[in-house]
PDB file of N, CA and C in Angstrom:
ATOM      1  N   MET A   1      29.974 -10.196  59.970  1.00  0.00           N
ATOM      2  CA  MET A   1      30.773 -11.840  60.531  1.00  0.00           C
ATOM      3  C   MET A   1      31.833 -11.832  60.834  1.00  0.00           C
ATOM      4  N   ASP A   2      32.179 -12.381  62.315  1.00  0.00           N
ATOM      5  CA  ASP A   2      33.371 -12.741  62.765  1.00  0.00           C
ATOM      6  C   ASP A   2      34.189 -14.535  62.385  1.00  0.00           C
ATOM      7  N   ILE A   3      34.887 -14.088  62.116  1.00  0.00           N
ATOM      8  CA  ILE A   3      36.099 -15.327  61.780  1.00  0.00           C
ATOM      9  C   ILE A   3      35.749 -17.041  62.830  1.00  0.00           C
ATOM     10  N   ASN A   4      35.052 -16.163  63.734  1.00  0.00           N
ATOM     11  CA  ASN A   4      33.906 -17.724  64.642  1.00  0.00           C
ATOM     12  C   ASN A   4      32.644 -18.405  63.545  1.00  0.00           C
ATOM     13  N   GLU A   5      32.382 -17.237  63.809  1.00  0.00           N
ATOM     14  CA  GLU A   5      30.783 -17.372  62.561  1.00  0.00           C
ATOM     15  C   GLU A   5      31.560 -18.081  61.353  1.00  0.00           C
ATOM     16  N   ARG A   6      32.054 -17.941  60.435  1.00  0.00           N
ATOM     17  CA  ARG A   6      32.531 -18.392  59.401  1.00  0.00           C
ATOM     18  C   ARG A   6      33.037 -19.643  59.319  1.00  0.00           C
ATOM     19  N   ILE A   7      33.801 -20.266  60.788  1.00  0.00           N
ATOM     20  CA  ILE A   7      34.036 -21.239  60.963  1.00  0.00           C
ATOM     21  C   ILE A   7      32.438 -22.585  60.821  1.00  0.00           C
ATOM     22  N   LEU A   8      31.457 -21.795  61.458  1.00  0.00           N
ATOM     23  CA  LEU A   8      30.674 -21.909  61.851  1.00  0.00           C
ATOM     24  C   LEU A   8      29.339 -22.537  60.471  1.00  0.00           C
ATOM     25  N   ALA A   9      29.870 -21.551  59.976  1.00  0.00           N
ATOM     26  CA  ALA A   9      29.617 -20.946  57.845  1.00  0.00           C
ATOM     27  C   ALA A   9      29.844 -22.348  56.944  1.00  0.00           C
ATOM     28  N   VAL A  10      30.879 -22.846  57.646  1.00  0.00           N
ATOM     29  CA  VAL A  10      31.551 -24.067  57.075  1.00  0.00           C
ATOM     30  C   VAL A  10      30.884 -25.536  57.060  1.00  0.00           C
ATOM     31  N   GLY A  11      30.732 -25.341  58.692  1.00  0.00           N
ATOM     32  CA  GLY A  11      29.935 -26.790  58.773  1.00  0.00           C
ATOM     33  C   GLY A  11      28.965 -26.793  58.645  1.00  0.00           C
ATOM     34  N   ALA A  12      28.108 -25.820  58.640  1.00  0.00           N
ATOM     35  CA  ALA A  12      26.655 -25.306  58.316  1.00  0.00           C
ATOM     36  C   ALA A  12      26.169 -25.531  56.930  1.00  0.00           C
ATOM     37  N   GLY A  13      27.282 -24.744  55.983  1.00  0.00           N
ATOM     38  CA  GLY A  13      26.896 -25.359  54.901  1.00  0.00           C
ATOM     39  C   GLY A  13      27.317 -26.880  54.032  1.00  0.00           C
ATOM     40  N   ALA A  14      28.439 -27.094  55.389  1.00  0.00           N
ATOM     41  CA  ALA A  14      29.084 -28.653  54.424  1.00  0.00           C
ATOM     42  C   ALA A  14      27.392 -29.670  55.032  1.00  0.00           C
ATOM     43  N   GLY A  15      26.767 -28.802  56.028  1.00  0.00           N
ATOM     44  CA  GLY A  15      25.466 -29.850  56.183  1.00  0.00           C
ATOM     45  C   GLY A  15      25.693 -31.286  57.361  1.00  0.00           C
ATOM     46  N   MET A  16      27.256 -30.533  58.182  1.00  0.00           N
ATOM     47  CA  MET A  16      26.861 -31.467  58.916  1.00  0.00           C
ATOM     48  C   MET A  16      27.123 -31.250  60.666  1.00  0.00           C
ATOM     49  N   ASN A  17      26.345 -32.473  61.437  1.00  0.00           N
ATOM     50  CA  ASN A  17      26.125 -31.461  62.861  1.00  0.00           C
ATOM     51  C   ASN A  17      27.545 -30.967  63.095  1.00  0.00           C
ATOM     52  N   ASN A  18      27.350 -30.869  64.838  1.00  0.00           N
ATOM     53  CA  ASN A  18      28.278 -30.465  65.688  1.00  0.00           C
ATOM     54  C   ASN A  18      29.796 -32.048  66.090  1.00  0.00           C
ATOM     55  N   ALA A  19      29.711 -33.011  66.178  1.00  0.00           N
ATOM     56  CA  ALA A  19      30.280 -34.123  66.209  1.00  0.00           C
ATOM     57  C   ALA A  19      30.863 -33.945  64.789  1.00  0.00           C
ATOM     58  N   GLU A  20      30.605 -33.935  63.803  1.00  0.00           N
ATOM     59  CA  GLU A  20      30.790 -34.494  62.085  1.00  0.00           C
ATOM     60  C   GLU A  20      31.987 -33.406  62.164  1.00  0.00           C
ATOM     61  N   PHE A  21      31.168 -32.046  62.458  1.00  0.00           N
ATOM     62  CA  PHE A  21      32.427 -31.191  61.842  1.00  0.00           C
ATOM     63  C   PHE A  21      33.536 -31.301  62.378  1.00  0.00           C
ATOM     64  N   ALA A  22      33.422 -31.387  64.069  1.00  0.00           N
ATOM     65  CA  ALA A  22      34.599 -31.357  65.025  1.00  0.00           C
ATOM     66  C   ALA A  22      35.262 -32.266  64.632  1.00  0.00           C
ATOM     67  N   GLN A  23      35.135 -33.075  64.170  1.00  0.00           N
ATOM     68  CA  GLN A  23      35.976 -34.679  63.580  1.00  0.00           C
ATOM     69  C   GLN A  23      36.508 -33.677  62.483  1.00  0.00           C
ATOM     70  N   ALA A  24      36.383 -33.689  61.717  1.00  0.00           N
ATOM     71  CA  ALA A  24      36.490 -33.122  60.465  1.00  0.00           C
ATOM     72  C   ALA A  24      37.864 -32.363  60.409  1.00  0.00           C
ATOM     73  N   LEU A  25      37.428 -31.026  62.113  1.00  0.00           N
ATOM     74  CA  LEU A  25      38.586 -30.433  61.725  1.00  0.00           C
ATOM     75  C   LEU A  25      40.114 -30.738  62.874  1.00  0.00           C
ATOM     76  N   GLY A  26      38.919 -31.907  63.384  1.00  0.00           N
ATOM     77  CA  GLY A  26      40.780 -32.912  64.366  1.00  0.00           C
ATOM     78  C   GLY A  26      40.483 -31.936  65.852  1.00  0.00           C
ATOM     79  N   ILE A  27      39.348 -31.480  65.578  1.00  0.00           N
ATOM     80  CA  ILE A  27      38.861 -30.816  67.529  1.00  0.00           C
ATOM     81  C   ILE A  27      37.484 -31.432  68.630  1.00  0.00           C
ATOM     82  N   SER A  28      38.174 -31.275  69.346  1.00  0.00           N
ATOM     83  CA  SER A  28      36.892 -31.852  70.768  1.00  0.00           C
ATOM     84  C   SER A  28      35.660 -31.409  70.041  1.00  0.00           C
ATOM     85  N   GLN A  29      33.864 -31.796  70.503  1.00  0.00           N
ATOM     86  CA  GLN A  29      33.284 -31.022  69.881  1.00  0.00           C
ATOM     87  C   GLN A  29      33.101 -30.138  71.449  1.00  0.00           C
ATOM     88  N   ALA A  30      33.712 -29.837  72.483  1.00  0.00           N
ATOM     89  CA  ALA A  30      33.725 -28.361  73.348  1.00  0.00           C
ATOM     90  C   ALA A  30      34.701 -26.880  72.916  1.00  0.00           C
ATOM     91  N   VAL A  31      36.202 -27.387  71.930  1.00  0.00           N
ATOM     92  CA  VAL A  31      36.589 -26.654  71.097  1.00  0.00           C
ATOM     93  C   VAL A  31      35.821 -26.303  70.595  1.00  0.00           C
ATOM     94  N   LEU A  32      34.486 -27.164  70.074  1.00  0.00           N
ATOM     95  CA  LEU A  32      33.633 -25.908  68.721  1.00  0.00           C
ATOM     96  C   LEU A  32      32.116 -25.517  69.529  1.00  0.00           C
ATOM     97  N   SER A  33      31.951 -25.276  70.264  1.00  0.00           N
ATOM     98  CA  SER A  33      31.079 -24.781  71.362  1.00  0.00           C
ATOM     99  C   SER A  33      32.347 -23.695  71.862  1.00  0.00           C
ATOM    100  N   HIS A  34      33.028 -23.814  72.452  1.00  0.00           N
ATOM    101  CA  HIS A  34      33.796 -22.687  72.605  1.00  0.00           C
ATOM    102  C   HIS A  34      33.783 -21.381  71.555  1.00  0.00           C
ATOM    103  N   LEU A  35      33.666 -21.618  70.352  1.00  0.00           N
ATOM    104  CA  LEU A  35      34.005 -20.950  69.153  1.00  0.00           C
ATOM    105  C   LEU A  35      32.413 -20.756  68.758  1.00  0.00           C
ATOM    106  N   ARG A  36      31.767 -21.577  68.918  1.00  0.00           N
ATOM    107  CA  ARG A  36      29.908 -20.942  68.795  1.00  0.00           C
ATOM    108  C   ARG A  36      30.250 -20.433  70.207  1.00  0.00           C
ATOM    109  N   ALA A  37      30.273 -20.368  71.026  1.00  0.00           N
ATOM    110  CA  ALA A  37      29.996 -18.888  72.358  1.00  0.00           C
ATOM    111  C   ALA A  37      31.089 -18.147  72.020  1.00  0.00           C
ATOM    112  N   GLY A  38      31.724 -18.015  71.116  1.00  0.00           N
ATOM    113  CA  GLY A  38      32.730 -17.032  71.149  1.00  0.00           C
ATOM    114  C   GLY A  38      33.497 -16.796  72.159  1.00  0.00           C
ATOM    115  N   ARG A  39      34.054 -17.649  73.069  1.00  0.00           N
ATOM    116  CA  ARG A  39      34.932 -17.701  74.614  1.00  0.00           C
ATOM    117  C   ARG A  39      36.362 -17.655  73.921  1.00  0.00           C
ATOM    118  N   ASN A  40      36.602 -18.297  72.403  1.00  0.00           N
ATOM    119  CA  ASN A  40      37.946 -18.581  71.792  1.00  0.00           C
ATOM    120  C   ASN A  40      37.666 -17.776  70.816  1.00  0.00           C
ATOM    121  N   LYS A  41      38.600 -17.931  70.380  1.00  0.00           N
ATOM    122  CA  LYS A  41      39.791 -16.993  68.497  1.00  0.00           C
ATOM    123  C   LYS A  41      40.006 -18.748  68.011  1.00  0.00           C
ATOM    124  N   PRO A  42      39.743 -18.537  67.262  1.00  0.00           N
ATOM    125  CA  PRO A  42      41.032 -20.388  66.413  1.00  0.00           C
ATOM    126  C   PRO A  42      42.205 -19.756  66.277  1.00  0.00           C
ATOM    127  N   GLY A  43      42.531 -21.036  66.459  1.00  0.00           N
ATOM    128  CA  GLY A  43      44.009 -20.765  65.736  1.00  0.00           C
ATOM    129  C   GLY A  43      44.644 -20.825  64.262  1.00  0.00           C
ATOM    130  N   LEU A  44      45.769 -20.658  64.207  1.00  0.00           N
ATOM    131  CA  LEU A  44      46.027 -21.014  62.894  1.00  0.00           C
ATOM    132  C   LEU A  44      46.300 -22.913  62.600  1.00  0.00           C
ATOM    133  N   GLU A  45      46.491 -23.159  63.570  1.00  0.00           N
ATOM    134  CA  GLU A  45      46.369 -24.405  62.959  1.00  0.00           C
ATOM    135  C   GLU A  45      45.279 -24.940  62.738  1.00  0.00           C
ATOM    136  N   LEU A  46      43.943 -25.142  63.539  1.00  0.00           N
ATOM    137  CA  LEU A  46      42.907 -24.699  63.260  1.00  0.00           C
ATOM    138  C   LEU A  46      42.000 -23.767  61.696  1.00  0.00           C
ATOM    139  N   VAL A  47      42.348 -23.128  61.429  1.00  0.00           N
ATOM    140  CA  VAL A  47      42.253 -21.993  60.403  1.00  0.00           C
ATOM    141  C   VAL A  47      42.335 -23.825  59.163  1.00  0.00           C
ATOM    142  N   LEU A  48      43.340 -24.013  59.220  1.00  0.00           N
ATOM    143  CA  LEU A  48      45.156 -24.369  58.558  1.00  0.00           C
ATOM    144  C   LEU A  48      44.082 -25.866  58.026  1.00  0.00           C
ATOM    145  N   ALA A  49      43.797 -26.528  58.993  1.00  0.00           N
ATOM    146  CA  ALA A  49      43.094 -27.770  58.694  1.00  0.00           C
ATOM    147  C   ALA A  49      41.673 -27.803  58.340  1.00  0.00           C
ATOM    148  N   LEU A  50      40.982 -26.876  58.659  1.00  0.00           N
ATOM    149  CA  LEU A  50      39.864 -26.558  57.846  1.00  0.00           C
ATOM    150  C   LEU A  50      40.375 -25.911  56.577  1.00  0.00           C
ATOM    151  N   LEU A  51      41.111 -25.425  55.923  1.00  0.00           N
ATOM    152  CA  LEU A  51      41.131 -24.829  54.345  1.00  0.00           C
ATOM    153  C   LEU A  51      42.040 -26.163  54.033  1.00  0.00           C
ATOM    154  N   GLN A  52      42.329 -27.664  54.694  1.00  0.00           N
ATOM    155  CA  GLN A  52      42.864 -28.210  53.879  1.00  0.00           C
ATOM    156  C   GLN A  52      42.298 -29.210  54.290  1.00  0.00           C
ATOM    157  N   ARG A  53      40.450 -29.254  54.656  1.00  0.00           N
ATOM    158  CA  ARG A  53      39.728 -30.421  54.693  1.00  0.00           C
ATOM    159  C   ARG A  53      38.564 -29.884  53.716  1.00  0.00           C
ATOM    160  N   PHE A  54      38.413 -28.599  53.564  1.00  0.00           N
ATOM    161  CA  PHE A  54      37.455 -27.423  52.383  1.00  0.00           C
ATOM    162  C   PHE A  54      38.348 -27.331  51.952  1.00  0.00           C
ATOM    163  N   PRO A  55      39.134 -28.106  50.676  1.00  0.00           N
ATOM    164  CA  PRO A  55      39.439 -26.050  50.174  1.00  0.00           C
ATOM    165  C   PRO A  55      38.463 -26.184  49.315  1.00  0.00           C
ATOM    166  N   GLU A  56      37.078 -26.300  48.982  1.00  0.00           N
ATOM    167  CA  GLU A  56      36.995 -25.336  47.972  1.00  0.00           C
ATOM    168  C   GLU A  56      36.737 -24.279  48.640  1.00  0.00           C
ATOM    169  N   ILE A  57      36.833 -24.035  50.390  1.00  0.00           N
ATOM    170  CA  ILE A  57      36.591 -22.833  50.850  1.00  0.00           C
ATOM    171  C   ILE A  57      37.536 -21.436  50.513  1.00  0.00           C
ATOM    172  N   ASN A  58      37.312 -20.415  50.159  1.00  0.00           N
ATOM    173  CA  ASN A  58      38.241 -19.285  49.656  1.00  0.00           C
ATOM    174  C   ASN A  58      38.673 -18.508  50.877  1.00  0.00           C
ATOM    175  N   PRO A  59      40.445 -19.110  50.900  1.00  0.00           N
ATOM    176  CA  PRO A  59      40.456 -18.291  52.110  1.00  0.00           C
ATOM    177  C   PRO A  59      41.271 -16.630  52.591  1.00  0.00           C
ATOM    178  N   GLU A  60      40.716 -16.166  51.721  1.00  0.00           N
ATOM    179  CA  GLU A  60      40.967 -15.159  51.954  1.00  0.00           C
ATOM    180  C   GLU A  60      39.176 -14.831  52.675  1.00  0.00           C
ATOM    181  N   TRP A  61      38.720 -15.372  52.417  1.00  0.00           N
ATOM    182  CA  TRP A  61      36.861 -15.353  53.015  1.00  0.00           C
ATOM    183  C   TRP A  61      37.158 -15.325  54.262  1.00  0.00           C
ATOM    184  N   MET A  62      37.213 -16.941  53.848  1.00  0.00           N
ATOM    185  CA  MET A  62      38.266 -17.512  55.658  1.00  0.00           C
ATOM    186  C   MET A  62      38.743 -16.744  56.878  1.00  0.00           C
ATOM    187  N   LEU A  63      39.985 -16.285  56.077  1.00  0.00           N
ATOM    188  CA  LEU A  63      40.880 -14.900  57.010  1.00  0.00           C
ATOM    189  C   LEU A  63      40.016 -13.548  57.574  1.00  0.00           C
ATOM    190  N   PHE A  64      39.815 -13.303  56.028  1.00  0.00           N
ATOM    191  CA  PHE A  64      39.531 -11.734  56.697  1.00  0.00           C
ATOM    192  C   PHE A  64      37.936 -11.527  56.114  1.00  0.00           C
ATOM    193  N   GLY A  65      37.069 -12.406  55.899  1.00  0.00           N
ATOM    194  CA  GLY A  65      35.863 -11.766  55.350  1.00  0.00           C
ATOM    195  C   GLY A  65      35.588 -11.400  53.857  1.00  0.00           C
ATOM    196  N   LYS A  66      36.313 -11.603  53.071  1.00  0.00           N
ATOM    197  CA  LYS A  66      36.452 -10.627  51.837  1.00  0.00           C
ATOM    198  C   LYS A  66      36.324 -11.917  50.641  1.00  0.00           C
ATOM    199  N   GLY A  67      34.998 -11.244  49.841  1.00  0.00           N
ATOM    200  CA  GLY A  67      34.575 -12.172  48.674  1.00  0.00           C
ATOM    201  C   GLY A  67      33.756 -13.277  48.936  1.00  0.00           C
ATOM    202  N   GLU A  68      34.047 -14.145  47.910  1.00  0.00           N
ATOM    203  CA  GLU A  68      32.530 -15.145  48.663  1.00  0.00           C
ATOM    204  C   GLU A  68      33.050 -15.885  49.769  1.00  0.00           C
ATOM    205  N   MET A  69      32.534 -17.064  50.201  1.00  0.00           N
ATOM    206  CA  MET A  69      32.796 -17.877  50.925  1.00  0.00           C
ATOM    207  C   MET A  69      33.592 -19.415  50.168  1.00  0.00           C
ATOM    208  N   LYS A  70      32.877 -19.559  48.927  1.00  0.00           N
ATOM    209  CA  LYS A  70      33.602 -20.721  48.322  1.00  0.00           C
ATOM    210  C   LYS A  70      34.483 -20.298  46.756  1.00  0.00           C
ATOM    211  N   ARG A  71      35.409 -20.998  46.515  1.00  0.00           N
ATOM    212  CA  ARG A  71      36.825 -20.265  45.959  1.00  0.00           C
ATOM    213  C   ARG A  71      35.326 -20.179  44.078  1.00  0.00           C
ATOM    214  N   PRO A  72      35.680 -19.209  43.366  1.00  0.00           N
ATOM    215  CA  PRO A  72      35.016 -19.802  41.907  1.00  0.00           C
ATOM    216  C   PRO A  72      35.056 -21.491  41.581  1.00  0.00           C
ATOM    217  N   GLU A  73      34.104 -21.346  40.984  1.00  0.00           N
ATOM    218  CA  GLU A  73      33.923 -22.701  40.045  1.00  0.00           C
ATOM    219  C   GLU A  73      35.282 -22.509  39.122  1.00  0.00           C
ATOM    220  N   GLN A  74      35.615 -21.826  38.016  1.00  0.00           N
ATOM    221  CA  GLN A  74      36.649 -22.069  37.381  1.00  0.00           C
ATOM    222  C   GLN A  74      38.232 -22.433  37.846  1.00  0.00           C
ATOM    223  N   GLU A  75      38.741 -21.855  40.053  1.00  0.00           N
ATOM    224  CA  GLU A  75      40.238 -22.268  39.799  1.00  0.00           C
ATOM    225  C   GLU A  75      39.174 -23.663  40.141  1.00  0.00           C
ATOM    226  N   MET A  76      38.320 -24.157  40.912  1.00  0.00           N
ATOM    227  CA  MET A  76      38.744 -25.211  41.109  1.00  0.00           C
ATOM    228  C   MET A  76      38.645 -26.558  40.640  1.00  0.00           C
ATOM    229  N   GLY A  77      37.925 -25.853  38.817  1.00  0.00           N
ATOM    230  CA  GLY A  77      37.562 -26.935  37.275  1.00  0.00           C
ATOM    231  C   GLY A  77      40.032 -27.061  37.312  1.00  0.00           C
ATOM    232  N   GLN A  78      40.159 -25.729  37.389  1.00  0.00           N
ATOM    233  CA  GLN A  78      41.955 -25.848  37.351  1.00  0.00           C
ATOM    234  C   GLN A  78      42.286 -26.293  37.741  1.00  0.00           C
ATOM    235  N   LYS A  79      41.673 -26.094  39.141  1.00  0.00           N
ATOM    236  CA  LYS A  79      42.616 -27.585  40.202  1.00  0.00           C
ATOM    237  C   LYS A  79      42.841 -29.066  39.387  1.00  0.00           C
ATOM    238  N   GLN A  80      41.213 -29.148  39.715  1.00  0.00           N
ATOM    239  CA  GLN A  80      40.888 -30.612  38.926  1.00  0.00           C
ATOM    240  C   GLN A  80      41.882 -30.927  37.617  1.00  0.00           C
ATOM    241  N   GLU A  81      42.218 -30.054  36.573  1.00  0.00           N
ATOM    242  CA  GLU A  81      42.681 -30.417  35.592  1.00  0.00           C
ATOM    243  C   GLU A  81      43.940 -30.677  36.015  1.00  0.00           C
ATOM    244  N   LEU A  82      44.401 -29.577  36.500  1.00  0.00           N
ATOM    245  CA  LEU A  82      46.177 -29.669  37.353  1.00  0.00           C
ATOM    246  C   LEU A  82      46.396 -31.208  37.831  1.00  0.00           C
ATOM    247  N   LEU A  83      45.786 -31.771  38.618  1.00  0.00           N
ATOM    248  CA  LEU A  83      45.720 -32.845  39.290  1.00  0.00           C
ATOM    249  C   LEU A  83      45.467 -33.905  38.496  1.00  0.00           C
ATOM    250  N   GLN A  84      44.821 -33.830  37.178  1.00  0.00           N
ATOM    251  CA  GLN A  84      44.570 -35.161  36.632  1.00  0.00           C
ATOM    252  C   GLN A  84      46.110 -34.820  35.520  1.00  0.00           C
ATOM    253  N   LEU A  85      46.382 -34.224  34.899  1.00  0.00           N
ATOM    254  CA  LEU A  85      47.242 -33.628  34.128  1.00  0.00           C
ATOM    255  C   LEU A  85      48.700 -34.267  34.732  1.00  0.00           C
ATOM    256  N   LEU A  86      48.559 -33.580  36.103  1.00  0.00           N
ATOM    257  CA  LEU A  86      49.945 -34.315  36.868  1.00  0.00           C
ATOM    258  C   LEU A  86      50.009 -36.089  36.939  1.00  0.00           C
ATOM    259  N   GLN A  87      48.777 -36.175  36.817  1.00  0.00           N
ATOM    260  CA  GLN A  87      48.490 -37.996  37.247  1.00  0.00           C
ATOM    261  C   GLN A  87      49.348 -38.578  35.652  1.00  0.00           C
ATOM    262  N   GLU A  88      48.045 -38.074  34.925  1.00  0.00           N
ATOM    263  CA  GLU A  88      48.647 -38.895  33.161  1.00  0.00           C
ATOM    264  C   GLU A  88      50.714 -38.425  32.860  1.00  0.00           C
ATOM    265  N   ILE A  89      51.846 -37.486  33.781  1.00  0.00           N
ATOM    266  CA  ILE A  89      52.692 -37.439  33.500  1.00  0.00           C
ATOM    267  C   ILE A  89      53.370 -38.521  34.163  1.00  0.00           C
ATOM    268  N   LYS A  90      53.081 -38.464  35.255  1.00  0.00           N
ATOM    269  CA  LYS A  90      53.136 -39.920  36.408  1.00  0.00           C
ATOM    270  C   LYS A  90      53.106 -40.945  35.887  1.00  0.00           C
ATOM    271  N   LEU A  91      52.192 -41.182  34.790  1.00  0.00           N
ATOM    272  CA  LEU A  91      51.759 -42.203  33.949  1.00  0.00           C
ATOM    273  C   LEU A  91      52.444 -42.548  33.129  1.00  0.00           C
ATOM    274  N   MET A  92      53.107 -41.633  32.189  1.00  0.00           N
ATOM    275  CA  MET A  92      53.525 -41.286  31.374  1.00  0.00           C
ATOM    276  C   MET A  92      55.233 -41.508  31.365  1.00  0.00           C
ATOM    277  N   ASN A  93      55.344 -41.107  32.804  1.00  0.00           N
ATOM    278  CA  ASN A  93      57.463 -41.360  33.086  1.00  0.00           C
ATOM    279  C   ASN A  93      57.015 -42.624  33.090  1.00  0.00           C
ATOM    280  N   GLU A  94      56.280 -43.267  34.272  1.00  0.00           N
ATOM    281  CA  GLU A  94      56.222 -44.905  34.751  1.00  0.00           C
ATOM    282  C   GLU A  94      56.507 -45.736  32.821  1.00  0.00           C
ATOM    283  N   MET A  95      55.582 -45.656  32.200  1.00  0.00           N
ATOM    284  CA  MET A  95      55.894 -46.609  31.036  1.00  0.00           C
ATOM    285  C   MET A  95      56.591 -45.931  30.027  1.00  0.00           C
ATOM    286  N   ASN A  96      57.737 -44.492  30.093  1.00  0.00           N
ATOM    287  CA  ASN A  96      58.585 -44.329  29.431  1.00  0.00           C
ATOM    288  C   ASN A  96      60.169 -45.097  30.070  1.00  0.00           C
ATOM    289  N   PHE A  97      59.711 -45.421  32.152  1.00  0.00           N
ATOM    290  CA  PHE A  97      60.866 -46.412  32.020  1.00  0.00           C
ATOM    291  C   PHE A  97      60.400 -47.473  32.056  1.00  0.00           C
ATOM    292  N   ASN A  98      59.620 -48.012  32.011  1.00  0.00           N
ATOM    293  CA  ASN A  98      59.748 -49.118  31.160  1.00  0.00           C
ATOM    294  C   ASN A  98      59.987 -49.751  30.372  1.00  0.00           C
ATOM    295  N   ALA A  99      59.205 -48.685  29.481  1.00  0.00           N
ATOM    296  CA  ALA A  99      60.287 -49.077  27.892  1.00  0.00           C
ATOM    297  C   ALA A  99      61.461 -48.887  28.088  1.00  0.00           C
ATOM    298  N   LEU A 100      62.311 -47.735  28.429  1.00  0.00           N
ATOM    299  CA  LEU A 100      63.585 -47.917  28.473  1.00  0.00           C
ATOM    300  C   LEU A 100      64.116 -49.164  29.039  1.00  0.00           C
ATOM    301  N   LYS A 101      63.947 -49.712  30.389  1.00  0.00           N
ATOM    302  CA  LYS A 101      64.307 -50.469  30.849  1.00  0.00           C
ATOM    303  C   LYS A 101      63.962 -51.821  29.686  1.00  0.00           C
ATOM    304  N   SER A 102      63.654 -51.683  29.391  1.00  0.00           N
ATOM    305  CA  SER A 102      63.337 -53.051  28.427  1.00  0.00           C
ATOM    306  C   SER A 102      64.468 -52.990  26.968  1.00  0.00           C
ATOM    307  N   ARG A 103      64.882 -51.322  26.740  1.00  0.00           N
ATOM    308  CA  ARG A 103      65.782 -51.026  25.453  1.00  0.00           C
ATOM    309  C   ARG A 103      67.176 -51.454  26.347  1.00  0.00           C
ATOM    310  N   ILE A 104      66.981 -50.711  27.488  1.00  0.00           N
ATOM    311  CA  ILE A 104      68.385 -51.511  28.024  1.00  0.00           C
ATOM    312  C   ILE A 104      68.842 -53.451  28.768  1.00  0.00           C
ATOM    313  N   GLU A 105      67.677 -54.031  28.407  1.00  0.00           N
ATOM    314  CA  GLU A 105      68.090 -55.495  29.098  1.00  0.00           C
ATOM    315  C   GLU A 105      67.842 -55.908  27.824  1.00  0.00           C
ATOM    316  N   GLY A 106      67.302 -55.387  26.536  1.00  0.00           N
ATOM    317  CA  GLY A 106      67.509 -55.880  25.142  1.00  0.00           C
ATOM    318  C   GLY A 106      69.668 -55.707  24.677  1.00  0.00           C
ATOM    319  N   LEU A 107      69.474 -54.535  24.801  1.00  0.00           N
ATOM    320  CA  LEU A 107      71.170 -54.600  24.538  1.00  0.00           C
ATOM    321  C   LEU A 107      71.875 -54.874  25.317  1.00  0.00           C
ATOM    322  N   GLU A 108      71.682 -54.565  26.654  1.00  0.00           N
ATOM    323  CA  GLU A 108      72.933 -55.778  27.082  1.00  0.00           C
ATOM    324  C   GLU A 108      72.443 -57.105  27.276  1.00  0.00           C
ATOM    325  N   LYS A 109      71.671 -58.111  26.560  1.00  0.00           N
ATOM    326  CA  LYS A 109      71.165 -59.623  25.979  1.00  0.00           C
ATOM    327  C   LYS A 109      72.230 -59.545  24.410  1.00  0.00           C
ATOM    328  N   ARG A 110      72.528 -58.557  23.940  1.00  0.00           N
ATOM    329  CA  ARG A 110      72.726 -58.178  22.969  1.00  0.00           C
ATOM    330  C   ARG A 110      74.171 -58.648  23.221  1.00  0.00           C
ATOM    331  N   ILE A 111      74.836 -57.766  23.589  1.00  0.00           N
ATOM    332  CA  ILE A 111      76.180 -57.423  24.154  1.00  0.00           C
ATOM    333  C   ILE A 111      76.862 -58.775  24.622  1.00  0.00           C
ATOM    334  N   SER A 112      76.455 -59.058  25.623  1.00  0.00           N
ATOM    335  CA  SER A 112      76.928 -60.509  26.331  1.00  0.00           C
ATOM    336  C   SER A 112      76.846 -61.786  24.654  1.00  0.00           C
ATOM    337  N   GLY A 113      76.123 -61.404  23.974  1.00  0.00           N
ATOM    338  CA  GLY A 113      75.633 -62.414  23.920  1.00  0.00           C
ATOM    339  C   GLY A 113      74.738 -63.930  23.356  1.00  0.00           C
ATOM    340  N   ARG A 114      74.112 -63.610  24.453  1.00  0.00           N
ATOM    341  CA  ARG A 114      72.747 -64.300  25.674  1.00  0.00           C
ATOM    342  C   ARG A 114      71.739 -64.474  24.343  1.00  0.00           C
TER     343      ARG A 114
END
């Protein structure tokens, strides 16, 4: 399977028609048609757009045809866990900032005698 076929397999696996898949990748249907016919090879920008739009796709499979089409579930689960952890850290930082701000304002009031 060459890279054109792998790209088309992603669209088929996502259950998208040609118009939807082309739009998802930010290309015209004509470009997709040229890929399907084998007249053109994809550029790096197209491959990167595909990997960003479909993060479950294994980059090694897409580029070299090695391994499985989709990343292992464990890897995707870890990614989700990291994103959740980052959101929790962000929330904690916001809460700590607000608590610190309140303490500073309270100290300012005590110092100024208000």
